[in-house]
Amino acid sequence: MKQNKNSSGTEYKKLMNQAKKMPGVAELMEVYGEYELLLRQTREYFGEMEPKIILSTTDASA
């Protein structure tokens, strides 16, 4: 499994180097990364606002 991670890391570095050579691609990737972060934060925020369902039972016979 480590070999798979290393090959993924090597491939990632290779793709990043290629992207840096293309005009505008690095900036686009940066903007997309910031957009993805904002989406993740928004989902977390709205997830907290969803109503929570709490069920409980009581026994009043005692």
PDB file of N, CA and C in Angstrom:
ATOM      1  N   MET A   1       0.821  -1.195   0.000  1.00  0.00           N
ATOM      2  CA  MET A   1       0.000   0.000   0.000  1.00  0.00           C
ATOM      3  C   MET A   1       0.869   1.266   0.000  1.00  0.00           C
ATOM      4  N   LYS A   2       2.041   1.199   0.648  1.00  0.00           N
ATOM      5  CA  LYS A   2       2.926   2.362   0.652  1.00  0.00           C
ATOM      6  C   LYS A   2       3.372   2.719  -0.757  1.00  0.00           C
ATOM      7  N   GLN A   3       3.610   1.698  -1.563  1.00  0.00           N
ATOM      8  CA  GLN A   3       4.033   1.945  -2.934  1.00  0.00           C
ATOM      9  C   GLN A   3       2.944   2.711  -3.687  1.00  0.00           C
ATOM     10  N   ASN A   4       1.715   2.387  -3.443  1.00  0.00           N
ATOM     11  CA  ASN A   4       0.603   3.068  -4.095  1.00  0.00           C
ATOM     12  C   ASN A   4       0.556   4.535  -3.686  1.00  0.00           C
ATOM     13  N   LYS A   5       0.797   4.813  -2.390  1.00  0.00           N
ATOM     14  CA  LYS A   5       0.813   6.198  -1.925  1.00  0.00           C
ATOM     15  C   LYS A   5       1.973   6.962  -2.554  1.00  0.00           C
ATOM     16  N   ASN A   6       3.135   6.327  -2.637  1.00  0.00           N
ATOM     17  CA  ASN A   6       4.295   6.977  -3.239  1.00  0.00           C
ATOM     18  C   ASN A   6       4.058   7.275  -4.708  1.00  0.00           C
ATOM     19  N   SER A   7       3.465   6.340  -5.425  1.00  0.00           N
ATOM     20  CA  SER A   7       3.221   6.571  -6.843  1.00  0.00           C
ATOM     21  C   SER A   7       2.176   7.670  -7.027  1.00  0.00           C
ATOM     22  N   SER A   8       1.196   7.730  -6.125  1.00  0.00           N
ATOM     23  CA  SER A   8       0.194   8.802  -6.197  1.00  0.00           C
ATOM     24  C   SER A   8       0.852  10.151  -5.924  1.00  0.00           C
ATOM     25  N   GLY A   9       1.740  10.190  -4.947  1.00  0.00           N
ATOM     26  CA  GLY A   9       2.449  11.430  -4.625  1.00  0.00           C
ATOM     27  C   GLY A   9       3.335  11.879  -5.762  1.00  0.00           C
ATOM     28  N   THR A  10       4.015  10.932  -6.402  1.00  0.00           N
ATOM     29  CA  THR A  10       4.875  11.251  -7.538  1.00  0.00           C
ATOM     30  C   THR A  10       4.041  11.763  -8.702  1.00  0.00           C
ATOM     31  N   GLU A  11       2.913  11.108  -8.943  1.00  0.00           N
ATOM     32  CA  GLU A  11       2.036  11.530 -10.030  1.00  0.00           C
ATOM     33  C   GLU A  11       1.473  12.922  -9.753  1.00  0.00           C
ATOM     34  N   TYR A  12       1.118  13.170  -8.487  1.00  0.00           N
ATOM     35  CA  TYR A  12       0.593  14.481  -8.093  1.00  0.00           C
ATOM     36  C   TYR A  12       1.630  15.572  -8.357  1.00  0.00           C
ATOM     37  N   LYS A  13       2.865  15.329  -7.942  1.00  0.00           N
ATOM     38  CA  LYS A  13       3.933  16.320  -8.156  1.00  0.00           C
ATOM     39  C   LYS A  13       4.152  16.572  -9.642  1.00  0.00           C
ATOM     40  N   LYS A  14       4.109  15.503 -10.430  1.00  0.00           N
ATOM     41  CA  LYS A  14       4.312  15.638 -11.876  1.00  0.00           C
ATOM     42  C   LYS A  14       3.191  16.487 -12.494  1.00  0.00           C
ATOM     43  N   LEU A  15       1.952  16.209 -12.090  1.00  0.00           N
ATOM     44  CA  LEU A  15       0.825  16.979 -12.616  1.00  0.00           C
ATOM     45  C   LEU A  15       0.896  18.443 -12.177  1.00  0.00           C
ATOM     46  N   MET A  16       1.307  18.678 -10.936  1.00  0.00           N
ATOM     47  CA  MET A  16       1.425  20.053 -10.451  1.00  0.00           C
ATOM     48  C   MET A  16       2.488  20.812 -11.234  1.00  0.00           C
ATOM     49  N   ASN A  17       3.594  20.185 -11.510  1.00  0.00           N
ATOM     50  CA  ASN A  17       4.651  20.842 -12.287  1.00  0.00           C
ATOM     51  C   ASN A  17       4.171  21.165 -13.696  1.00  0.00           C
ATOM     52  N   GLN A  18       3.421  20.250 -14.298  1.00  0.00           N
ATOM     53  CA  GLN A  18       2.877  20.507 -15.628  1.00  0.00           C
ATOM     54  C   GLN A  18       1.864  21.659 -15.582  1.00  0.00           C
ATOM     55  N   ALA A  19       1.044  21.683 -14.543  1.00  0.00           N
ATOM     56  CA  ALA A  19       0.024  22.728 -14.422  1.00  0.00           C
ATOM     57  C   ALA A  19       0.662  24.095 -14.229  1.00  0.00           C
ATOM     58  N   LYS A  20       1.759  24.138 -13.488  1.00  0.00           N
ATOM     59  CA  LYS A  20       2.443  25.416 -13.246  1.00  0.00           C
ATOM     60  C   LYS A  20       3.022  26.002 -14.534  1.00  0.00           C
ATOM     61  N   LYS A  21       3.304  25.157 -15.499  1.00  0.00           N
ATOM     62  CA  LYS A  21       3.860  25.628 -16.765  1.00  0.00           C
ATOM     63  C   LYS A  21       2.789  26.216 -17.680  1.00  0.00           C
ATOM     64  N   MET A  22       1.530  25.901 -17.414  1.00  0.00           N
ATOM     65  CA  MET A  22       0.438  26.396 -18.256  1.00  0.00           C
ATOM     66  C   MET A  22      -0.108  27.693 -17.671  1.00  0.00           C
ATOM     67  N   PRO A  23      -0.249  28.713 -18.498  1.00  0.00           N
ATOM     68  CA  PRO A  23      -0.734  29.985 -17.974  1.00  0.00           C
ATOM     69  C   PRO A  23      -2.169  29.885 -17.461  1.00  0.00           C
ATOM     70  N   GLY A  24      -2.360  30.343 -16.238  1.00  0.00           N
ATOM     71  CA  GLY A  24      -3.691  30.423 -15.655  1.00  0.00           C
ATOM     72  C   GLY A  24      -4.153  29.172 -14.938  1.00  0.00           C
ATOM     73  N   VAL A  25      -3.522  28.030 -15.175  1.00  0.00           N
ATOM     74  CA  VAL A  25      -3.989  26.788 -14.558  1.00  0.00           C
ATOM     75  C   VAL A  25      -3.736  26.791 -13.059  1.00  0.00           C
ATOM     76  N   ALA A  26      -2.576  27.248 -12.644  1.00  0.00           N
ATOM     77  CA  ALA A  26      -2.267  27.287 -11.214  1.00  0.00           C
ATOM     78  C   ALA A  26      -3.248  28.200 -10.477  1.00  0.00           C
ATOM     79  N   GLU A  27      -3.567  29.342 -11.077  1.00  0.00           N
ATOM     80  CA  GLU A  27      -4.512  30.270 -10.455  1.00  0.00           C
ATOM     81  C   GLU A  27      -5.900  29.648 -10.367  1.00  0.00           C
ATOM     82  N   LEU A  28      -6.282  28.957 -11.427  1.00  0.00           N
ATOM     83  CA  LEU A  28      -7.577  28.297 -11.444  1.00  0.00           C
ATOM     84  C   LEU A  28      -7.645  27.225 -10.360  1.00  0.00           C
ATOM     85  N   MET A  29      -6.575  26.463 -10.212  1.00  0.00           N
ATOM     86  CA  MET A  29      -6.537  25.430  -9.180  1.00  0.00           C
ATOM     87  C   MET A  29      -6.608  26.049  -7.789  1.00  0.00           C
ATOM     88  N   GLU A  30      -5.958  27.176  -7.596  1.00  0.00           N
ATOM     89  CA  GLU A  30      -5.991  27.859  -6.302  1.00  0.00           C
ATOM     90  C   GLU A  30      -7.403  28.345  -5.987  1.00  0.00           C
ATOM     91  N   VAL A  31      -8.054  28.958  -6.971  1.00  0.00           N
ATOM     92  CA  VAL A  31      -9.422  29.447  -6.777  1.00  0.00           C
ATOM     93  C   VAL A  31     -10.355  28.283  -6.487  1.00  0.00           C
ATOM     94  N   TYR A  32     -10.205  27.182  -7.222  1.00  0.00           N
ATOM     95  CA  TYR A  32     -11.060  26.021  -7.006  1.00  0.00           C
ATOM     96  C   TYR A  32     -10.846  25.452  -5.606  1.00  0.00           C
ATOM     97  N   GLY A  33      -9.602  25.441  -5.150  1.00  0.00           N
ATOM     98  CA  GLY A  33      -9.304  24.950  -3.799  1.00  0.00           C
ATOM     99  C   GLY A  33      -9.980  25.804  -2.738  1.00  0.00           C
ATOM    100  N   GLU A  34      -9.944  27.124  -2.923  1.00  0.00           N
ATOM    101  CA  GLU A  34     -10.615  28.020  -1.975  1.00  0.00           C
ATOM    102  C   GLU A  34     -12.125  27.815  -2.041  1.00  0.00           C
ATOM    103  N   TYR A  35     -12.668  27.628  -3.224  1.00  0.00           N
ATOM    104  CA  TYR A  35     -14.096  27.390  -3.405  1.00  0.00           C
ATOM    105  C   TYR A  35     -14.509  26.097  -2.699  1.00  0.00           C
ATOM    106  N   GLU A  36     -13.695  25.058  -2.865  1.00  0.00           N
ATOM    107  CA  GLU A  36     -13.981  23.771  -2.226  1.00  0.00           C
ATOM    108  C   GLU A  36     -13.972  23.906  -0.706  1.00  0.00           C
ATOM    109  N   LEU A  37     -13.033  24.679  -0.176  1.00  0.00           N
ATOM    110  CA  LEU A  37     -12.968  24.911   1.269  1.00  0.00           C
ATOM    111  C   LEU A  37     -14.223  25.634   1.755  1.00  0.00           C
ATOM    112  N   LEU A  38     -14.657  26.651   1.033  1.00  0.00           N
ATOM    113  CA  LEU A  38     -15.865  27.379   1.412  1.00  0.00           C
ATOM    114  C   LEU A  38     -17.102  26.485   1.353  1.00  0.00           C
ATOM    115  N   LEU A  39     -17.180  25.634   0.349  1.00  0.00           N
ATOM    116  CA  LEU A  39     -18.304  24.696   0.266  1.00  0.00           C
ATOM    117  C   LEU A  39     -18.325  23.751   1.460  1.00  0.00           C
ATOM    118  N   ARG A  40     -17.162  23.253   1.834  1.00  0.00           N
ATOM    119  CA  ARG A  40     -17.068  22.336   2.971  1.00  0.00           C
ATOM    120  C   ARG A  40     -17.501  23.030   4.258  1.00  0.00           C
ATOM    121  N   GLN A  41     -17.038  24.264   4.461  1.00  0.00           N
ATOM    122  CA  GLN A  41     -17.418  25.021   5.655  1.00  0.00           C
ATOM    123  C   GLN A  41     -18.912  25.316   5.666  1.00  0.00           C
ATOM    124  N   THR A  42     -19.478  25.614   4.507  1.00  0.00           N
ATOM    125  CA  THR A  42     -20.906  25.907   4.418  1.00  0.00           C
ATOM    126  C   THR A  42     -21.720  24.668   4.745  1.00  0.00           C
ATOM    127  N   ARG A  43     -21.304  23.515   4.234  1.00  0.00           N
ATOM    128  CA  ARG A  43     -22.023  22.269   4.536  1.00  0.00           C
ATOM    129  C   ARG A  43     -21.982  21.972   6.022  1.00  0.00           C
ATOM    130  N   GLU A  44     -20.844  22.198   6.666  1.00  0.00           N
ATOM    131  CA  GLU A  44     -20.731  21.971   8.109  1.00  0.00           C
ATOM    132  C   GLU A  44     -21.666  22.910   8.868  1.00  0.00           C
ATOM    133  N   TYR A  45     -21.705  24.163   8.454  1.00  0.00           N
ATOM    134  CA  TYR A  45     -22.550  25.162   9.124  1.00  0.00           C
ATOM    135  C   TYR A  45     -24.023  24.791   9.002  1.00  0.00           C
ATOM    136  N   PHE A  46     -24.472  24.507   7.784  1.00  0.00           N
ATOM    137  CA  PHE A  46     -25.875  24.179   7.592  1.00  0.00           C
ATOM    138  C   PHE A  46     -26.226  22.809   8.173  1.00  0.00           C
ATOM    139  N   GLY A  47     -25.251  21.932   8.279  1.00  0.00           N
ATOM    140  CA  GLY A  47     -25.481  20.642   8.918  1.00  0.00           C
ATOM    141  C   GLY A  47     -25.824  20.803  10.383  1.00  0.00           C
ATOM    142  N   GLU A  48     -25.227  21.810  11.028  1.00  0.00           N
ATOM    143  CA  GLU A  48     -25.524  22.085  12.434  1.00  0.00           C
ATOM    144  C   GLU A  48     -26.915  22.673  12.604  1.00  0.00           C
ATOM    145  N   MET A  49     -27.452  23.278  11.582  1.00  0.00           N
ATOM    146  CA  MET A  49     -28.756  23.927  11.678  1.00  0.00           C
ATOM    147  C   MET A  49     -29.913  22.958  11.435  1.00  0.00           C
ATOM    148  N   GLU A  50     -29.617  21.756  10.945  1.00  0.00           N
ATOM    149  CA  GLU A  50     -30.677  20.782  10.708  1.00  0.00           C
ATOM    150  C   GLU A  50     -31.275  20.343  12.039  1.00  0.00           C
ATOM    151  N   PRO A  51     -32.579  20.149  12.061  1.00  0.00           N
ATOM    152  CA  PRO A  51     -33.202  19.725  13.318  1.00  0.00           C
ATOM    153  C   PRO A  51     -32.722  18.328  13.718  1.00  0.00           C
ATOM    154  N   LYS A  52     -32.481  18.159  14.998  1.00  0.00           N
ATOM    155  CA  LYS A  52     -32.067  16.887  15.535  1.00  0.00           C
ATOM    156  C   LYS A  52     -33.301  16.169  16.075  1.00  0.00           C
ATOM    157  N   ILE A  53     -33.407  14.901  15.781  1.00  0.00           N
ATOM    158  CA  ILE A  53     -34.529  14.118  16.261  1.00  0.00           C
ATOM    159  C   ILE A  53     -34.074  13.374  17.511  1.00  0.00           C
ATOM    160  N   ILE A  54     -34.779  13.631  18.606  1.00  0.00           N
ATOM    161  CA  ILE A  54     -34.459  12.983  19.878  1.00  0.00           C
ATOM    162  C   ILE A  54     -35.684  12.232  20.345  1.00  0.00           C
ATOM    163  N   LEU A  55     -35.555  10.951  20.505  1.00  0.00           N
ATOM    164  CA  LEU A  55     -36.647  10.121  20.996  1.00  0.00           C
ATOM    165  C   LEU A  55     -36.337   9.697  22.415  1.00  0.00           C
ATOM    166  N   SER A  56     -37.331   9.756  23.255  1.00  0.00           N
ATOM    167  CA  SER A  56     -37.124   9.254  24.609  1.00  0.00           C
ATOM    168  C   SER A  56     -38.413   8.621  25.091  1.00  0.00           C
ATOM    169  N   THR A  57     -38.273   7.721  26.003  1.00  0.00           N
ATOM    170  CA  THR A  57     -39.433   7.081  26.602  1.00  0.00           C
ATOM    171  C   THR A  57     -39.342   7.233  28.112  1.00  0.00           C
ATOM    172  N   THR A  58     -40.488   7.305  28.726  1.00  0.00           N
ATOM    173  CA  THR A  58     -40.515   7.376  30.181  1.00  0.00           C
ATOM    174  C   THR A  58     -41.494   6.349  30.703  1.00  0.00           C
ATOM    175  N   ASP A  59     -41.242   5.955  31.877  1.00  0.00           N
ATOM    176  CA  ASP A  59     -42.152   5.001  32.534  1.00  0.00           C
ATOM    177  C   ASP A  59     -42.686   5.683  33.784  1.00  0.00           C
ATOM    178  N   ALA A  60     -43.919   6.119  33.731  1.00  0.00           N
ATOM    179  CA  ALA A  60     -44.516   6.874  34.850  1.00  0.00           C
ATOM    180  C   ALA A  60     -45.264   5.949  35.809  1.00  0.00           C
ATOM    181  N   SER A  61     -45.121   4.653  35.687  1.00  0.00           N
ATOM    182  CA  SER A  61     -45.870   3.729  36.535  1.00  0.00           C
ATOM    183  C   SER A  61     -45.242   3.568  37.918  1.00  0.00           C
ATOM    184  N   ALA A  62     -44.067   4.024  38.133  1.00  0.00           N
ATOM    185  CA  ALA A  62     -43.404   3.831  39.430  1.00  0.00           C
ATOM    186  C   ALA A  62     -43.826   4.815  40.474  1.00  0.00           C
TER     187      ALA A  62
END
